């Protein structure tokens, strides 16, 4: 599996602007918001014929790959307020679930 990161400059369902007007994006795994240069699009080719045909799966991740640090960080860093109020163990489980889902998408031919 080959994973690749690229900077994102587009505003999408997880993007927006901070109070100073700077672009912000949300990591799909940690569900935390960061300045646009701290979130990257990671892509991986699908396995089998789909991957050989160039089909890829992508997700937005913390550019430094410290998504799991959100579990131990302040709850206000989490964009999804309901999730930010969960205990760290449950937040960690949700991160694992989202990562497992990304890998399952890559492994789906």
N, C-alpha and C. Protein backbone atom coordinates (compact mmCIF):
# COMPACT_ATOMS: atom_id res chain seq x y z
N UNK A 1 0.85 -1.15 0.00
CA UNK A 1 0.00 0.00 0.00
C UNK A 1 0.90 1.22 0.00
N UNK A 2 0.66 2.15 -0.89
CA UNK A 2 1.40 3.40 -0.96
C UNK A 2 0.50 4.52 -0.50
N UNK A 3 0.93 5.26 0.49
CA UNK A 3 0.16 6.41 0.96
C UNK A 3 0.92 7.67 0.59
N UNK A 4 0.20 8.69 0.24
CA UNK A 4 0.81 9.92 -0.21
C UNK A 4 0.07 11.09 0.42
N UNK A 5 0.82 12.11 0.79
CA UNK A 5 0.21 13.31 1.37
C UNK A 5 0.33 14.47 0.40
N UNK A 6 -0.65 15.32 0.39
CA UNK A 6 -0.57 16.55 -0.39
C UNK A 6 -1.29 17.64 0.39
N UNK A 7 -0.82 18.86 0.21
CA UNK A 7 -1.47 19.97 0.90
C UNK A 7 -2.83 20.22 0.29
N UNK A 8 -3.75 20.68 1.11
CA UNK A 8 -5.09 20.98 0.65
C UNK A 8 -5.32 22.47 0.69
N UNK A 9 -5.80 23.03 -0.42
CA UNK A 9 -6.09 24.45 -0.43
C UNK A 9 -7.55 24.73 -0.68
N UNK A 10 -8.34 23.69 -0.89
CA UNK A 10 -9.76 23.91 -1.18
C UNK A 10 -10.57 23.89 0.11
N UNK A 11 -11.69 24.57 0.09
CA UNK A 11 -12.62 24.55 1.22
C UNK A 11 -13.62 23.43 0.93
N UNK A 12 -13.80 22.53 1.87
CA UNK A 12 -14.72 21.42 1.68
C UNK A 12 -15.60 21.30 2.90
N UNK A 13 -16.23 20.15 3.06
CA UNK A 13 -17.15 19.98 4.17
C UNK A 13 -16.47 20.11 5.52
N UNK A 14 -15.16 19.94 5.59
CA UNK A 14 -14.45 20.07 6.86
C UNK A 14 -13.67 21.37 6.95
N UNK A 15 -13.77 22.24 5.95
CA UNK A 15 -13.00 23.47 5.95
C UNK A 15 -13.81 24.64 6.44
N UNK A 16 -13.14 25.75 6.62
CA UNK A 16 -13.79 26.96 7.06
C UNK A 16 -12.75 28.04 7.25
N UNK A 17 -13.08 29.04 8.03
CA UNK A 17 -12.16 30.13 8.29
C UNK A 17 -12.14 30.42 9.78
N UNK A 18 -10.95 30.79 10.30
CA UNK A 18 -10.87 31.15 11.71
C UNK A 18 -11.26 32.62 11.87
N UNK A 19 -11.20 33.12 13.09
CA UNK A 19 -11.64 34.48 13.36
C UNK A 19 -10.79 35.52 12.64
N UNK A 20 -9.55 35.20 12.32
CA UNK A 20 -8.68 36.12 11.61
C UNK A 20 -8.85 36.01 10.10
N UNK A 21 -9.71 35.11 9.65
CA UNK A 21 -9.94 34.93 8.22
C UNK A 21 -9.05 33.89 7.56
N UNK A 22 -8.20 33.20 8.34
CA UNK A 22 -7.35 32.15 7.79
C UNK A 22 -8.12 30.86 7.61
N UNK A 23 -7.74 30.09 6.61
CA UNK A 23 -8.43 28.83 6.33
C UNK A 23 -8.10 27.80 7.40
N UNK A 24 -9.10 27.04 7.80
CA UNK A 24 -8.90 25.94 8.73
C UNK A 24 -9.51 24.68 8.12
N UNK A 25 -8.94 23.54 8.48
CA UNK A 25 -9.45 22.25 8.01
C UNK A 25 -9.55 21.31 9.20
N UNK A 26 -10.30 20.25 9.01
CA UNK A 26 -10.49 19.27 10.07
C UNK A 26 -9.92 17.93 9.64
N UNK A 27 -9.16 17.33 10.54
CA UNK A 27 -8.65 15.98 10.34
C UNK A 27 -9.83 15.02 10.42
N UNK A 28 -9.98 14.15 9.41
CA UNK A 28 -11.09 13.19 9.39
C UNK A 28 -10.96 12.14 10.49
N UNK A 29 -9.75 11.90 10.96
CA UNK A 29 -9.53 10.88 11.98
C UNK A 29 -9.69 11.45 13.38
N UNK A 30 -9.00 12.56 13.66
CA UNK A 30 -9.05 13.14 14.99
C UNK A 30 -10.28 14.01 15.19
N UNK A 31 -10.86 14.47 14.09
CA UNK A 31 -11.99 15.41 14.13
C UNK A 31 -11.61 16.68 14.87
N UNK A 32 -10.35 17.11 14.67
CA UNK A 32 -9.86 18.34 15.27
C UNK A 32 -9.55 19.34 14.17
N UNK A 33 -9.73 20.62 14.46
CA UNK A 33 -9.48 21.65 13.46
C UNK A 33 -8.07 22.20 13.62
N UNK A 34 -7.50 22.56 12.48
CA UNK A 34 -6.13 23.08 12.41
C UNK A 34 -6.07 24.10 11.30
N UNK A 35 -5.00 24.90 11.28
CA UNK A 35 -4.81 25.79 10.14
C UNK A 35 -4.63 24.90 8.91
N UNK A 36 -4.95 25.45 7.76
CA UNK A 36 -4.97 24.66 6.52
C UNK A 36 -3.63 23.98 6.23
N UNK A 37 -2.52 24.58 6.64
CA UNK A 37 -1.22 23.97 6.36
C UNK A 37 -0.88 22.83 7.32
N UNK A 38 -1.73 22.57 8.30
CA UNK A 38 -1.48 21.49 9.26
C UNK A 38 -2.36 20.27 9.00
N UNK A 39 -3.12 20.29 7.92
CA UNK A 39 -3.94 19.15 7.52
C UNK A 39 -3.61 18.84 6.07
N UNK A 40 -3.37 17.57 5.78
CA UNK A 40 -3.03 17.15 4.42
C UNK A 40 -3.97 16.05 3.96
N UNK A 41 -4.10 15.95 2.65
CA UNK A 41 -4.87 14.86 2.07
C UNK A 41 -3.92 13.68 1.89
N UNK A 42 -4.26 12.55 2.49
CA UNK A 42 -3.48 11.34 2.33
C UNK A 42 -4.25 10.41 1.42
N UNK A 43 -3.56 9.88 0.43
CA UNK A 43 -4.22 8.97 -0.50
C UNK A 43 -3.46 7.65 -0.56
N UNK A 44 -4.17 6.60 -0.88
CA UNK A 44 -3.58 5.28 -1.05
C UNK A 44 -4.31 4.59 -2.20
N UNK A 45 -3.56 3.88 -3.01
CA UNK A 45 -4.20 3.11 -4.08
C UNK A 45 -4.97 1.94 -3.51
N UNK A 46 -6.11 1.66 -4.13
CA UNK A 46 -6.86 0.46 -3.75
C UNK A 46 -6.06 -0.78 -4.17
N UNK A 47 -6.35 -1.90 -3.55
CA UNK A 47 -5.67 -3.14 -3.91
C UNK A 47 -6.27 -3.70 -5.20
N UNK A 48 -5.55 -4.62 -5.81
CA UNK A 48 -6.06 -5.36 -6.96
C UNK A 48 -6.22 -4.53 -8.22
N UNK A 49 -7.12 -4.99 -9.09
CA UNK A 49 -7.31 -4.33 -10.38
C UNK A 49 -7.71 -2.85 -10.25
N UNK A 50 -8.50 -2.54 -9.23
CA UNK A 50 -8.92 -1.14 -9.06
C UNK A 50 -7.70 -0.25 -8.83
N UNK A 51 -6.79 -0.69 -7.99
CA UNK A 51 -5.58 0.08 -7.72
C UNK A 51 -4.68 0.17 -8.94
N UNK A 52 -4.56 -0.95 -9.67
CA UNK A 52 -3.75 -0.92 -10.88
C UNK A 52 -4.35 0.01 -11.93
N UNK A 53 -5.67 0.21 -11.86
CA UNK A 53 -6.34 1.14 -12.78
C UNK A 53 -6.22 2.58 -12.30
N UNK A 54 -5.59 2.78 -11.14
CA UNK A 54 -5.38 4.13 -10.64
C UNK A 54 -6.39 4.61 -9.62
N UNK A 55 -7.32 3.75 -9.19
CA UNK A 55 -8.31 4.16 -8.19
C UNK A 55 -7.66 4.31 -6.82
N UNK A 56 -7.96 5.40 -6.16
CA UNK A 56 -7.38 5.68 -4.86
C UNK A 56 -8.48 6.02 -3.85
N UNK A 57 -8.08 5.98 -2.59
CA UNK A 57 -8.93 6.39 -1.48
C UNK A 57 -8.17 7.49 -0.76
N UNK A 58 -8.87 8.52 -0.32
CA UNK A 58 -8.19 9.61 0.36
C UNK A 58 -8.92 10.05 1.61
N UNK A 59 -8.18 10.67 2.50
CA UNK A 59 -8.75 11.22 3.73
C UNK A 59 -7.87 12.38 4.19
N UNK A 60 -8.47 13.30 4.92
CA UNK A 60 -7.70 14.40 5.51
C UNK A 60 -7.16 13.94 6.86
N UNK A 61 -5.84 14.13 7.06
CA UNK A 61 -5.19 13.77 8.32
C UNK A 61 -4.34 14.93 8.82
N UNK A 62 -4.09 14.93 10.12
CA UNK A 62 -3.14 15.88 10.68
C UNK A 62 -1.82 15.68 9.93
N UNK A 63 -1.24 16.74 9.41
CA UNK A 63 -0.03 16.62 8.59
C UNK A 63 1.12 16.00 9.36
N UNK A 64 1.17 16.20 10.67
CA UNK A 64 2.24 15.62 11.48
C UNK A 64 1.91 14.21 11.97
N UNK A 65 0.75 13.69 11.55
CA UNK A 65 0.30 12.34 11.91
C UNK A 65 0.13 12.14 13.42
N UNK A 66 -0.15 13.20 14.13
CA UNK A 66 -0.34 13.10 15.58
C UNK A 66 -1.82 13.10 15.93
N UNK A 67 -2.63 12.50 15.11
CA UNK A 67 -4.08 12.46 15.32
C UNK A 67 -4.44 11.93 16.70
N UNK A 68 -3.73 10.91 17.13
CA UNK A 68 -4.04 10.29 18.42
C UNK A 68 -3.76 11.23 19.59
N UNK A 69 -2.92 12.25 19.41
CA UNK A 69 -2.63 13.19 20.48
C UNK A 69 -3.89 13.95 20.90
N UNK A 70 -4.87 14.01 20.01
CA UNK A 70 -6.13 14.69 20.33
C UNK A 70 -6.84 14.00 21.49
N UNK A 71 -6.64 12.72 21.61
CA UNK A 71 -7.26 11.96 22.69
C UNK A 71 -6.85 12.53 24.04
N UNK A 72 -5.61 12.93 24.16
CA UNK A 72 -5.10 13.43 25.43
C UNK A 72 -5.06 14.95 25.50
N UNK A 73 -5.42 15.60 24.39
CA UNK A 73 -5.40 17.06 24.36
C UNK A 73 -6.71 17.65 24.86
N UNK A 74 -6.80 18.97 24.78
CA UNK A 74 -8.02 19.64 25.27
C UNK A 74 -9.24 19.30 24.42
N UNK A 75 -10.37 19.12 25.06
CA UNK A 75 -11.59 18.75 24.34
C UNK A 75 -12.02 19.84 23.36
N UNK A 76 -11.64 21.10 23.62
CA UNK A 76 -12.05 22.16 22.70
C UNK A 76 -11.32 22.11 21.37
N UNK A 77 -10.29 21.25 21.24
CA UNK A 77 -9.62 21.09 19.96
C UNK A 77 -10.44 20.22 19.01
N UNK A 78 -11.42 19.52 19.54
CA UNK A 78 -12.24 18.61 18.73
C UNK A 78 -13.41 19.39 18.16
N UNK A 79 -13.57 19.34 16.85
CA UNK A 79 -14.63 20.10 16.19
C UNK A 79 -16.01 19.54 16.55
N UNK A 80 -16.10 18.23 16.61
CA UNK A 80 -17.37 17.59 16.96
C UNK A 80 -17.52 17.67 18.48
N UNK A 81 -18.28 18.62 18.95
CA UNK A 81 -18.41 18.88 20.40
C UNK A 81 -18.90 17.66 21.17
N UNK A 82 -19.80 16.89 20.58
CA UNK A 82 -20.29 15.69 21.27
C UNK A 82 -19.15 14.72 21.50
N UNK A 83 -18.28 14.58 20.50
CA UNK A 83 -17.16 13.67 20.65
C UNK A 83 -16.12 14.22 21.62
N UNK A 84 -15.95 15.53 21.65
CA UNK A 84 -14.98 16.14 22.55
C UNK A 84 -15.31 15.93 24.01
N UNK A 85 -16.57 15.67 24.32
CA UNK A 85 -16.97 15.46 25.71
C UNK A 85 -16.83 14.01 26.15
N UNK A 86 -16.43 13.13 25.24
CA UNK A 86 -16.29 11.71 25.58
C UNK A 86 -15.01 11.46 26.36
N UNK A 87 -14.97 10.39 27.15
CA UNK A 87 -13.74 10.05 27.86
C UNK A 87 -12.65 9.66 26.85
N UNK A 88 -11.37 9.85 27.21
CA UNK A 88 -10.28 9.55 26.29
C UNK A 88 -10.32 8.15 25.69
N UNK A 89 -10.74 7.15 26.48
CA UNK A 89 -10.78 5.78 25.97
C UNK A 89 -11.75 5.66 24.79
N UNK A 90 -12.89 6.31 24.90
CA UNK A 90 -13.86 6.24 23.81
C UNK A 90 -13.40 7.05 22.61
N UNK A 91 -12.75 8.19 22.85
CA UNK A 91 -12.21 8.98 21.74
C UNK A 91 -11.15 8.18 21.00
N UNK A 92 -10.32 7.44 21.76
CA UNK A 92 -9.29 6.61 21.13
C UNK A 92 -9.93 5.50 20.30
N UNK A 93 -10.99 4.90 20.80
CA UNK A 93 -11.69 3.84 20.07
C UNK A 93 -12.27 4.39 18.77
N UNK A 94 -12.81 5.58 18.80
CA UNK A 94 -13.38 6.18 17.58
C UNK A 94 -12.29 6.49 16.56
N UNK A 95 -11.12 6.90 17.03
CA UNK A 95 -9.99 7.12 16.10
C UNK A 95 -9.61 5.80 15.45
N UNK A 96 -9.52 4.73 16.24
CA UNK A 96 -9.19 3.41 15.68
C UNK A 96 -10.24 2.99 14.66
N UNK A 97 -11.50 3.21 14.96
CA UNK A 97 -12.58 2.83 14.05
C UNK A 97 -12.46 3.58 12.73
N UNK A 98 -12.17 4.88 12.78
CA UNK A 98 -12.04 5.66 11.55
C UNK A 98 -10.82 5.22 10.74
N UNK A 99 -9.70 4.90 11.42
CA UNK A 99 -8.53 4.40 10.71
C UNK A 99 -8.81 3.04 10.09
N UNK A 100 -9.48 2.16 10.83
CA UNK A 100 -9.85 0.85 10.29
C UNK A 100 -10.73 0.99 9.06
N UNK A 101 -11.62 1.95 9.07
CA UNK A 101 -12.51 2.18 7.94
C UNK A 101 -11.72 2.63 6.71
N UNK A 102 -10.73 3.50 6.91
CA UNK A 102 -9.89 3.95 5.79
C UNK A 102 -9.14 2.76 5.20
N UNK A 103 -8.52 1.95 6.07
CA UNK A 103 -7.77 0.77 5.59
C UNK A 103 -8.71 -0.20 4.87
N UNK A 104 -9.92 -0.39 5.39
CA UNK A 104 -10.89 -1.28 4.74
C UNK A 104 -11.25 -0.77 3.34
N UNK A 105 -11.36 0.55 3.19
CA UNK A 105 -11.63 1.12 1.87
C UNK A 105 -10.48 0.86 0.91
N UNK A 106 -9.24 0.94 1.41
CA UNK A 106 -8.07 0.67 0.58
C UNK A 106 -8.06 -0.79 0.16
N UNK A 107 -8.41 -1.68 1.07
CA UNK A 107 -8.35 -3.12 0.80
C UNK A 107 -9.52 -3.64 0.00
N UNK A 108 -10.54 -2.80 -0.20
CA UNK A 108 -11.70 -3.21 -0.99
C UNK A 108 -11.32 -3.14 -2.48
N UNK A 109 -11.35 -4.29 -3.18
CA UNK A 109 -10.95 -4.27 -4.60
C UNK A 109 -11.90 -3.50 -5.49
